[in-house]
């Protein structure tokens, strides 16, 4: 007896092929599960990026419509009694 497991050659090959097929199926399912999780994460990140981009556009538009010169002139013209002019 040259090996510990005494199986006919064909049965041993069939068992190894079955194990290989089961491993292939297992890792294929694991890959599909990971791909779904990655797609969900990418979708979440893209949504977050789009939300931030919209907020930046909105703030940029508000800054473009805001008249800093008029605001600053109005602030300068306010009398400030706490400042002593000499």
PDB file of N, CA and C in Angstrom:
ATOM      1  N   UNK A   1       0.847  -1.171   0.000  1.00  0.00           N
ATOM      2  CA  UNK A   1       0.000   0.000   0.000  1.00  0.00           C
ATOM      3  C   UNK A   1       0.895   1.238   0.000  1.00  0.00           C
ATOM      4  N   UNK A   2       0.894   1.918  -1.117  1.00  0.00           N
ATOM      5  CA  UNK A   2       1.804   3.042  -1.277  1.00  0.00           C
ATOM      6  C   UNK A   2       1.201   4.360  -0.789  1.00  0.00           C
ATOM      7  N   UNK A   3      -0.116   4.425  -0.669  1.00  0.00           N
ATOM      8  CA  UNK A   3      -0.725   5.668  -0.188  1.00  0.00           C
ATOM      9  C   UNK A   3      -1.640   5.367   0.988  1.00  0.00           C
ATOM     10  N   UNK A   4      -1.913   6.387   1.761  1.00  0.00           N
ATOM     11  CA  UNK A   4      -2.760   6.208   2.941  1.00  0.00           C
ATOM     12  C   UNK A   4      -4.206   6.008   2.530  1.00  0.00           C
ATOM     13  N   UNK A   5      -4.619   6.676   1.463  1.00  0.00           N
ATOM     14  CA  UNK A   5      -5.989   6.550   0.989  1.00  0.00           C
ATOM     15  C   UNK A   5      -5.966   5.599  -0.197  1.00  0.00           C
ATOM     16  N   UNK A   6      -6.676   4.526  -0.055  1.00  0.00           N
ATOM     17  CA  UNK A   6      -6.677   3.554  -1.153  1.00  0.00           C
ATOM     18  C   UNK A   6      -7.982   3.678  -1.923  1.00  0.00           C
ATOM     19  N   UNK A   7      -8.002   4.617  -2.866  1.00  0.00           N
ATOM     20  CA  UNK A   7      -9.153   4.826  -3.726  1.00  0.00           C
ATOM     21  C   UNK A   7      -8.740   4.489  -5.148  1.00  0.00           C
ATOM     22  N   UNK A   8      -9.662   3.988  -5.922  1.00  0.00           N
ATOM     23  CA  UNK A   8      -9.333   3.781  -7.334  1.00  0.00           C
ATOM     24  C   UNK A   8      -9.000   5.117  -7.987  1.00  0.00           C
ATOM     25  N   UNK A   9      -8.163   5.093  -8.999  1.00  0.00           N
ATOM     26  CA  UNK A   9      -7.690   6.312  -9.658  1.00  0.00           C
ATOM     27  C   UNK A   9      -8.809   7.194 -10.164  1.00  0.00           C
ATOM     28  N   UNK A  10      -9.827   6.629 -10.778  1.00  0.00           N
ATOM     29  CA  UNK A  10     -10.936   7.405 -11.320  1.00  0.00           C
ATOM     30  C   UNK A  10     -11.735   8.095 -10.237  1.00  0.00           C
ATOM     31  N   UNK A  11     -11.916   7.403  -9.114  1.00  0.00           N
ATOM     32  CA  UNK A  11     -12.677   7.984  -8.001  1.00  0.00           C
ATOM     33  C   UNK A  11     -11.910   9.141  -7.368  1.00  0.00           C
ATOM     34  N   UNK A  12     -10.600   8.989  -7.277  1.00  0.00           N
ATOM     35  CA  UNK A  12      -9.763  10.050  -6.714  1.00  0.00           C
ATOM     36  C   UNK A  12      -9.811  11.298  -7.607  1.00  0.00           C
ATOM     37  N   UNK A  13      -9.728  11.102  -8.902  1.00  0.00           N
ATOM     38  CA  UNK A  13      -9.797  12.224  -9.839  1.00  0.00           C
ATOM     39  C   UNK A  13     -11.163  12.894  -9.755  1.00  0.00           C
ATOM     40  N   UNK A  14     -12.219  12.086  -9.664  1.00  0.00           N
ATOM     41  CA  UNK A  14     -13.572  12.630  -9.563  1.00  0.00           C
ATOM     42  C   UNK A  14     -13.735  13.429  -8.276  1.00  0.00           C
ATOM     43  N   UNK A  15     -13.183  12.933  -7.175  1.00  0.00           N
ATOM     44  CA  UNK A  15     -13.270  13.640  -5.898  1.00  0.00           C
ATOM     45  C   UNK A  15     -12.524  14.971  -5.972  1.00  0.00           C
ATOM     46  N   UNK A  16     -11.344  14.965  -6.579  1.00  0.00           N
ATOM     47  CA  UNK A  16     -10.573  16.204  -6.708  1.00  0.00           C
ATOM     48  C   UNK A  16     -11.287  17.208  -7.609  1.00  0.00           C
ATOM     49  N   UNK A  17     -11.884  16.716  -8.691  1.00  0.00           N
ATOM     50  CA  UNK A  17     -12.644  17.604  -9.568  1.00  0.00           C
ATOM     51  C   UNK A  17     -13.857  18.187  -8.859  1.00  0.00           C
ATOM     52  N   UNK A  18     -14.521  17.379  -8.040  1.00  0.00           N
ATOM     53  CA  UNK A  18     -15.669  17.860  -7.267  1.00  0.00           C
ATOM     54  C   UNK A  18     -15.237  18.939  -6.277  1.00  0.00           C
ATOM     55  N   UNK A  19     -14.133  18.702  -5.590  1.00  0.00           N
ATOM     56  CA  UNK A  19     -13.625  19.700  -4.634  1.00  0.00           C
ATOM     57  C   UNK A  19     -13.246  20.988  -5.372  1.00  0.00           C
ATOM     58  N   UNK A  20     -12.591  20.853  -6.518  1.00  0.00           N
ATOM     59  CA  UNK A  20     -12.205  22.035  -7.298  1.00  0.00           C
ATOM     60  C   UNK A  20     -13.441  22.797  -7.772  1.00  0.00           C
ATOM     61  N   UNK A  21     -14.477  22.069  -8.215  1.00  0.00           N
ATOM     62  CA  UNK A  21     -15.705  22.722  -8.674  1.00  0.00           C
ATOM     63  C   UNK A  21     -16.403  23.438  -7.523  1.00  0.00           C
ATOM     64  N   UNK A  22     -16.440  22.817  -6.356  1.00  0.00           N
ATOM     65  CA  UNK A  22     -17.060  23.451  -5.188  1.00  0.00           C
ATOM     66  C   UNK A  22     -16.294  24.704  -4.773  1.00  0.00           C
ATOM     67  N   UNK A  23     -14.968  24.630  -4.809  1.00  0.00           N
ATOM     68  CA  UNK A  23     -14.164  25.806  -4.474  1.00  0.00           C
ATOM     69  C   UNK A  23     -14.400  26.924  -5.487  1.00  0.00           C
ATOM     70  N   UNK A  24     -14.487  26.551  -6.758  1.00  0.00           N
ATOM     71  CA  UNK A  24     -14.743  27.535  -7.803  1.00  0.00           C
ATOM     72  C   UNK A  24     -16.089  28.221  -7.588  1.00  0.00           C
ATOM     73  N   UNK A  25     -17.119  27.451  -7.271  1.00  0.00           N
ATOM     74  CA  UNK A  25     -18.441  28.025  -7.000  1.00  0.00           C
ATOM     75  C   UNK A  25     -18.416  28.934  -5.772  1.00  0.00           C
ATOM     76  N   UNK A  26     -17.725  28.489  -4.721  1.00  0.00           N
ATOM     77  CA  UNK A  26     -17.642  29.279  -3.494  1.00  0.00           C
ATOM     78  C   UNK A  26     -16.996  30.639  -3.770  1.00  0.00           C
ATOM     79  N   UNK A  27     -15.857  30.609  -4.447  1.00  0.00           N
ATOM     80  CA  UNK A  27     -15.152  31.865  -4.691  1.00  0.00           C
ATOM     81  C   UNK A  27     -15.874  32.736  -5.721  1.00  0.00           C
ATOM     82  N   UNK A  28     -16.600  32.123  -6.631  1.00  0.00           N
ATOM     83  CA  UNK A  28     -17.401  32.895  -7.586  1.00  0.00           C
ATOM     84  C   UNK A  28     -18.512  33.649  -6.846  1.00  0.00           C
ATOM     85  N   UNK A  29     -19.163  32.974  -5.915  1.00  0.00           N
ATOM     86  CA  UNK A  29     -20.207  33.638  -5.115  1.00  0.00           C
ATOM     87  C   UNK A  29     -19.620  34.748  -4.254  1.00  0.00           C
ATOM     88  N   UNK A  30     -18.456  34.485  -3.688  1.00  0.00           N
ATOM     89  CA  UNK A  30     -17.783  35.495  -2.873  1.00  0.00           C
ATOM     90  C   UNK A  30     -17.431  36.717  -3.725  1.00  0.00           C
ATOM     91  N   UNK A  31     -16.975  36.481  -4.942  1.00  0.00           N
ATOM     92  CA  UNK A  31     -16.644  37.574  -5.861  1.00  0.00           C
ATOM     93  C   UNK A  31     -17.883  38.396  -6.191  1.00  0.00           C
ATOM     94  N   UNK A  32     -18.999  37.736  -6.470  1.00  0.00           N
ATOM     95  CA  UNK A  32     -20.243  38.441  -6.799  1.00  0.00           C
ATOM     96  C   UNK A  32     -20.714  39.283  -5.615  1.00  0.00           C
ATOM     97  N   UNK A  33     -20.603  38.716  -4.422  1.00  0.00           N
ATOM     98  CA  UNK A  33     -21.003  39.444  -3.210  1.00  0.00           C
ATOM     99  C   UNK A  33     -20.131  40.690  -3.020  1.00  0.00           C
ATOM    100  N   UNK A  34     -18.822  40.537  -3.218  1.00  0.00           N
ATOM    101  CA  UNK A  34     -17.911  41.675  -3.083  1.00  0.00           C
ATOM    102  C   UNK A  34     -18.172  42.733  -4.148  1.00  0.00           C
ATOM    103  N   UNK A  35     -18.491  42.300  -5.366  1.00  0.00           N
ATOM    104  CA  UNK A  35     -18.785  43.254  -6.432  1.00  0.00           C
ATOM    105  C   UNK A  35     -20.043  44.056  -6.120  1.00  0.00           C
ATOM    106  N   UNK A  36     -21.058  43.401  -5.569  1.00  0.00           N
ATOM    107  CA  UNK A  36     -22.285  44.115  -5.201  1.00  0.00           C
ATOM    108  C   UNK A  36     -22.005  45.140  -4.110  1.00  0.00           C
ATOM    109  N   UNK A  37     -21.203  44.741  -3.116  1.00  0.00           N
ATOM    110  CA  UNK A  37     -20.868  45.668  -2.034  1.00  0.00           C
ATOM    111  C   UNK A  37     -20.066  46.855  -2.571  1.00  0.00           C
ATOM    112  N   UNK A  38     -19.147  46.589  -3.487  1.00  0.00           N
ATOM    113  CA  UNK A  38     -18.341  47.669  -4.062  1.00  0.00           C
ATOM    114  C   UNK A  38     -19.210  48.608  -4.892  1.00  0.00           C
ATOM    115  N   UNK A  39     -20.141  48.063  -5.669  1.00  0.00           N
ATOM    116  CA  UNK A  39     -21.034  48.905  -6.468  1.00  0.00           C
ATOM    117  C   UNK A  39     -21.899  49.782  -5.573  1.00  0.00           C
ATOM    118  N   UNK A  40     -22.374  49.214  -4.460  1.00  0.00           N
ATOM    119  CA  UNK A  40     -23.192  49.997  -3.531  1.00  0.00           C
ATOM    120  C   UNK A  40     -22.367  51.125  -2.923  1.00  0.00           C
ATOM    121  N   UNK A  41     -21.127  50.835  -2.567  1.00  0.00           N
ATOM    122  CA  UNK A  41     -20.255  51.853  -1.975  1.00  0.00           C
ATOM    123  C   UNK A  41     -19.937  52.956  -2.988  1.00  0.00           C
ATOM    124  N   UNK A  42     -19.660  52.561  -4.224  1.00  0.00           N
ATOM    125  CA  UNK A  42     -19.374  53.548  -5.273  1.00  0.00           C
ATOM    126  C   UNK A  42     -20.590  54.436  -5.507  1.00  0.00           C
ATOM    127  N   UNK A  43     -21.776  53.840  -5.518  1.00  0.00           N
ATOM    128  CA  UNK A  43     -23.001  54.626  -5.706  1.00  0.00           C
ATOM    129  C   UNK A  43     -23.178  55.616  -4.560  1.00  0.00           C
ATOM    130  N   UNK A  44     -22.887  55.173  -3.342  1.00  0.00           N
ATOM    131  CA  UNK A  44     -23.009  56.046  -2.173  1.00  0.00           C
ATOM    132  C   UNK A  44     -22.012  57.206  -2.267  1.00  0.00           C
ATOM    133  N   UNK A  45     -20.785  56.908  -2.653  1.00  0.00           N
ATOM    134  CA  UNK A  45     -19.764  57.956  -2.766  1.00  0.00           C
ATOM    135  C   UNK A  45     -20.120  58.935  -3.884  1.00  0.00           C
ATOM    136  N   UNK A  46     -20.615  58.415  -5.012  1.00  0.00           N
ATOM    137  CA  UNK A  46     -21.014  59.301  -6.111  1.00  0.00           C
ATOM    138  C   UNK A  46     -22.157  60.215  -5.694  1.00  0.00           C
ATOM    139  N   UNK A  47     -23.101  59.676  -4.939  1.00  0.00           N
ATOM    140  CA  UNK A  47     -24.219  60.489  -4.455  1.00  0.00           C
ATOM    141  C   UNK A  47     -23.717  61.586  -3.526  1.00  0.00           C
ATOM    142  N   UNK A  48     -22.778  61.228  -2.656  1.00  0.00           N
ATOM    143  CA  UNK A  48     -22.206  62.206  -1.738  1.00  0.00           C
ATOM    144  C   UNK A  48     -21.439  63.288  -2.497  1.00  0.00           C
ATOM    145  N   UNK A  49     -20.687  62.881  -3.506  1.00  0.00           N
ATOM    146  CA  UNK A  49     -19.945  63.847  -4.317  1.00  0.00           C
ATOM    147  C   UNK A  49     -20.908  64.788  -5.031  1.00  0.00           C
ATOM    148  N   UNK A  50     -21.981  64.247  -5.574  1.00  0.00           N
ATOM    149  CA  UNK A  50     -22.956  65.084  -6.283  1.00  0.00           C
ATOM    150  C   UNK A  50     -23.626  66.071  -5.329  1.00  0.00           C
ATOM    151  N   UNK A  51     -23.952  65.613  -4.125  1.00  0.00           N
ATOM    152  CA  UNK A  51     -24.544  66.505  -3.126  1.00  0.00           C
ATOM    153  C   UNK A  51     -23.580  67.638  -2.786  1.00  0.00           C
ATOM    154  N   UNK A  52     -22.312  67.304  -2.576  1.00  0.00           N
ATOM    155  CA  UNK A  52     -21.317  68.332  -2.273  1.00  0.00           C
ATOM    156  C   UNK A  52     -21.127  69.285  -3.446  1.00  0.00           C
ATOM    157  N   UNK A  53     -21.140  68.751  -4.662  1.00  0.00           N
ATOM    158  CA  UNK A  53     -20.994  69.592  -5.851  1.00  0.00           C
ATOM    159  C   UNK A  53     -22.174  70.561  -5.958  1.00  0.00           C
ATOM    160  N   UNK A  54     -23.379  70.070  -5.676  1.00  0.00           N
ATOM    161  CA  UNK A  54     -24.560  70.941  -5.710  1.00  0.00           C
ATOM    162  C   UNK A  54     -24.462  72.047  -4.666  1.00  0.00           C
ATOM    163  N   UNK A  55     -23.983  71.691  -3.469  1.00  0.00           N
ATOM    164  CA  UNK A  55     -23.830  72.697  -2.419  1.00  0.00           C
ATOM    165  C   UNK A  55     -22.791  73.743  -2.810  1.00  0.00           C
ATOM    166  N   UNK A  56     -21.694  73.299  -3.411  1.00  0.00           N
ATOM    167  CA  UNK A  56     -20.669  74.249  -3.852  1.00  0.00           C
ATOM    168  C   UNK A  56     -21.205  75.179  -4.935  1.00  0.00           C
ATOM    169  N   UNK A  57     -21.951  74.623  -5.874  1.00  0.00           N
ATOM    170  CA  UNK A  57     -22.542  75.461  -6.926  1.00  0.00           C
ATOM    171  C   UNK A  57     -23.498  76.490  -6.333  1.00  0.00           C
ATOM    172  N   UNK A  58     -24.303  76.053  -5.382  1.00  0.00           N
ATOM    173  CA  UNK A  58     -25.262  76.959  -4.740  1.00  0.00           C
ATOM    174  C   UNK A  58     -24.530  78.088  -4.007  1.00  0.00           C
ATOM    175  N   UNK A  59     -23.491  77.745  -3.266  1.00  0.00           N
ATOM    176  CA  UNK A  59     -22.727  78.763  -2.545  1.00  0.00           C
ATOM    177  C   UNK A  59     -22.018  79.706  -3.513  1.00  0.00           C
ATOM    178  N   UNK A  60     -21.500  79.145  -4.588  1.00  0.00           N
ATOM    179  CA  UNK A  60     -20.828  79.974  -5.593  1.00  0.00           C
ATOM    180  C   UNK A  60     -21.812  80.969  -6.210  1.00  0.00           C
ATOM    181  N   UNK A  61     -23.010  80.502  -6.501  1.00  0.00           N
ATOM    182  CA  UNK A  61     -24.036  81.398  -7.060  1.00  0.00           C
ATOM    183  C   UNK A  61     -24.410  82.500  -6.073  1.00  0.00           C
ATOM    184  N   UNK A  62     -24.531  82.145  -4.788  1.00  0.00           N
ATOM    185  CA  UNK A  62     -24.845  83.165  -3.782  1.00  0.00           C
ATOM    186  C   UNK A  62     -23.723  84.194  -3.688  1.00  0.00           C
ATOM    187  N   UNK A  63     -22.481  83.719  -3.744  1.00  0.00           N
ATOM    188  CA  UNK A  63     -21.360  84.657  -3.682  1.00  0.00           C
ATOM    189  C   UNK A  63     -21.325  85.560  -4.909  1.00  0.00           C
ATOM    190  N   UNK A  64     -21.688  85.027  -6.050  1.00  0.00           N
ATOM    191  CA  UNK A  64     -21.697  85.849  -7.265  1.00  0.00           C
ATOM    192  C   UNK A  64     -22.781  86.918  -7.220  1.00  0.00           C
ATOM    193  N   UNK A  65     -23.890  86.640  -6.565  1.00  0.00           N
ATOM    194  CA  UNK A  65     -24.977  87.621  -6.510  1.00  0.00           C
ATOM    195  C   UNK A  65     -24.808  88.599  -5.352  1.00  0.00           C
ATOM    196  N   UNK A  66     -23.923  88.313  -4.428  1.00  0.00           N
ATOM    197  CA  UNK A  66     -23.725  89.163  -3.264  1.00  0.00           C
ATOM    198  C   UNK A  66     -22.833  90.336  -3.655  1.00  0.00           C
ATOM    199  N   UNK A  67     -23.239  91.522  -3.312  1.00  0.00           N
ATOM    200  CA  UNK A  67     -22.485  92.718  -3.676  1.00  0.00           C
ATOM    201  C   UNK A  67     -21.600  93.119  -2.501  1.00  0.00           C
ATOM    202  N   UNK A  68     -20.352  92.670  -2.538  1.00  0.00           N
ATOM    203  CA  UNK A  68     -19.437  92.959  -1.437  1.00  0.00           C
ATOM    204  C   UNK A  68     -19.133  94.452  -1.331  1.00  0.00           C
ATOM    205  N   UNK A  69     -18.997  95.114  -2.433  1.00  0.00           N
ATOM    206  CA  UNK A  69     -18.657  96.530  -2.408  1.00  0.00           C
ATOM    207  C   UNK A  69     -19.742  97.340  -1.713  1.00  0.00           C
ATOM    208  N   UNK A  70     -20.997  97.102  -2.051  1.00  0.00           N
ATOM    209  CA  UNK A  70     -22.098  97.828  -1.409  1.00  0.00           C
ATOM    210  C   UNK A  70     -22.169  97.480   0.073  1.00  0.00           C
ATOM    211  N   UNK A  71     -21.980  96.228   0.420  1.00  0.00           N
ATOM    212  CA  UNK A  71     -22.034  95.825   1.822  1.00  0.00           C
ATOM    213  C   UNK A  71     -20.910  96.494   2.604  1.00  0.00           C
ATOM    214  N   UNK A  72     -19.712  96.468   2.063  1.00  0.00           N
ATOM    215  CA  UNK A  72     -18.577  97.064   2.763  1.00  0.00           C
ATOM    216  C   UNK A  72     -18.739  98.574   2.908  1.00  0.00           C
ATOM    217  N   UNK A  73     -19.259  99.246   1.894  1.00  0.00           N
ATOM    218  CA  UNK A  73     -19.483 100.688   2.001  1.00  0.00           C
ATOM    219  C   UNK A  73     -20.519 100.998   3.068  1.00  0.00           C
ATOM    220  N   UNK A  74     -21.571 100.216   3.131  1.00  0.00           N
ATOM    221  CA  UNK A  74     -22.589 100.434   4.162  1.00  0.00           C
ATOM    222  C   UNK A  74     -22.007 100.217   5.551  1.00  0.00           C
ATOM    223  N   UNK A  75     -21.151  99.226   5.706  1.00  0.00           N
ATOM    224  CA  UNK A  75     -20.534  98.976   7.007  1.00  0.00           C
ATOM    225  C   UNK A  75     -19.583 100.106   7.391  1.00  0.00           C
ATOM    226  N   UNK A  76     -18.874 100.634   6.431  1.00  0.00           N
ATOM    227  CA  UNK A  76     -17.930 101.717   6.713  1.00  0.00           C
ATOM    228  C   UNK A  76     -18.668 102.979   7.132  1.00  0.00           C
ATOM    229  N   UNK A  77     -19.825 103.213   6.558  1.00  0.00           N
ATOM    230  CA  UNK A  77     -20.564 104.436   6.839  1.00  0.00           C
ATOM    231  C   UNK A  77     -21.318 104.397   8.162  1.00  0.00           C
ATOM    232  N   UNK A  78     -21.366 103.256   8.824  1.00  0.00           N
ATOM    233  CA  UNK A  78     -22.035 103.172  10.125  1.00  0.00           C
ATOM    234  C   UNK A  78     -21.153 103.843  11.174  1.00  0.00           C
ATOM    235  N   UNK A  79     -21.761 104.689  11.969  1.00  0.00           N
ATOM    236  CA  UNK A  79     -21.022 105.378  13.028  1.00  0.00           C
ATOM    237  C   UNK A  79     -20.738 104.382  14.144  1.00  0.00           C
ATOM    238  N   UNK A  80     -19.484 104.349  14.528  1.00  0.00           N
ATOM    239  CA  UNK A  80     -19.067 103.427  15.583  1.00  0.00           C
ATOM    240  C   UNK A  80     -18.548 104.252  16.758  1.00  0.00           C
ATOM    241  N   UNK A  81     -19.395 104.455  17.769  1.00  0.00           N
ATOM    242  CA  UNK A  81     -19.010 105.340  18.881  1.00  0.00           C
ATOM    243  C   UNK A  81     -17.846 104.796  19.711  1.00  0.00           C
ATOM    244  N   UNK A  82     -17.598 103.510  19.657  1.00  0.00           N
ATOM    245  CA  UNK A  82     -16.505 102.962  20.467  1.00  0.00           C
ATOM    246  C   UNK A  82     -15.126 103.292  19.898  1.00  0.00           C
ATOM    247  N   UNK A  83     -15.076 103.805  18.677  1.00  0.00           N
ATOM    248  CA  UNK A  83     -13.802 104.177  18.068  1.00  0.00           C
ATOM    249  C   UNK A  83     -13.614 105.682  18.248  1.00  0.00           C
ATOM    250  N   UNK A  84     -12.507 106.029  18.879  1.00  0.00           N
ATOM    251  CA  UNK A  84     -12.203 107.452  19.103  1.00  0.00           C
ATOM    252  C   UNK A  84     -11.346 107.959  17.947  1.00  0.00           C
ATOM    253  N   UNK A  85     -11.870 108.948  17.235  1.00  0.00           N
ATOM    254  CA  UNK A  85     -11.137 109.533  16.110  1.00  0.00           C
ATOM    255  C   UNK A  85     -10.358 110.724  16.640  1.00  0.00           C
ATOM    256  N   UNK A  86      -9.097 110.834  16.355  1.00  0.00           N
ATOM    257  CA  UNK A  86      -8.267 111.938  16.867  1.00  0.00           C
ATOM    258  C   UNK A  86      -7.845 112.847  15.778  1.00  0.00           C
TER     259      UNK A  86
END
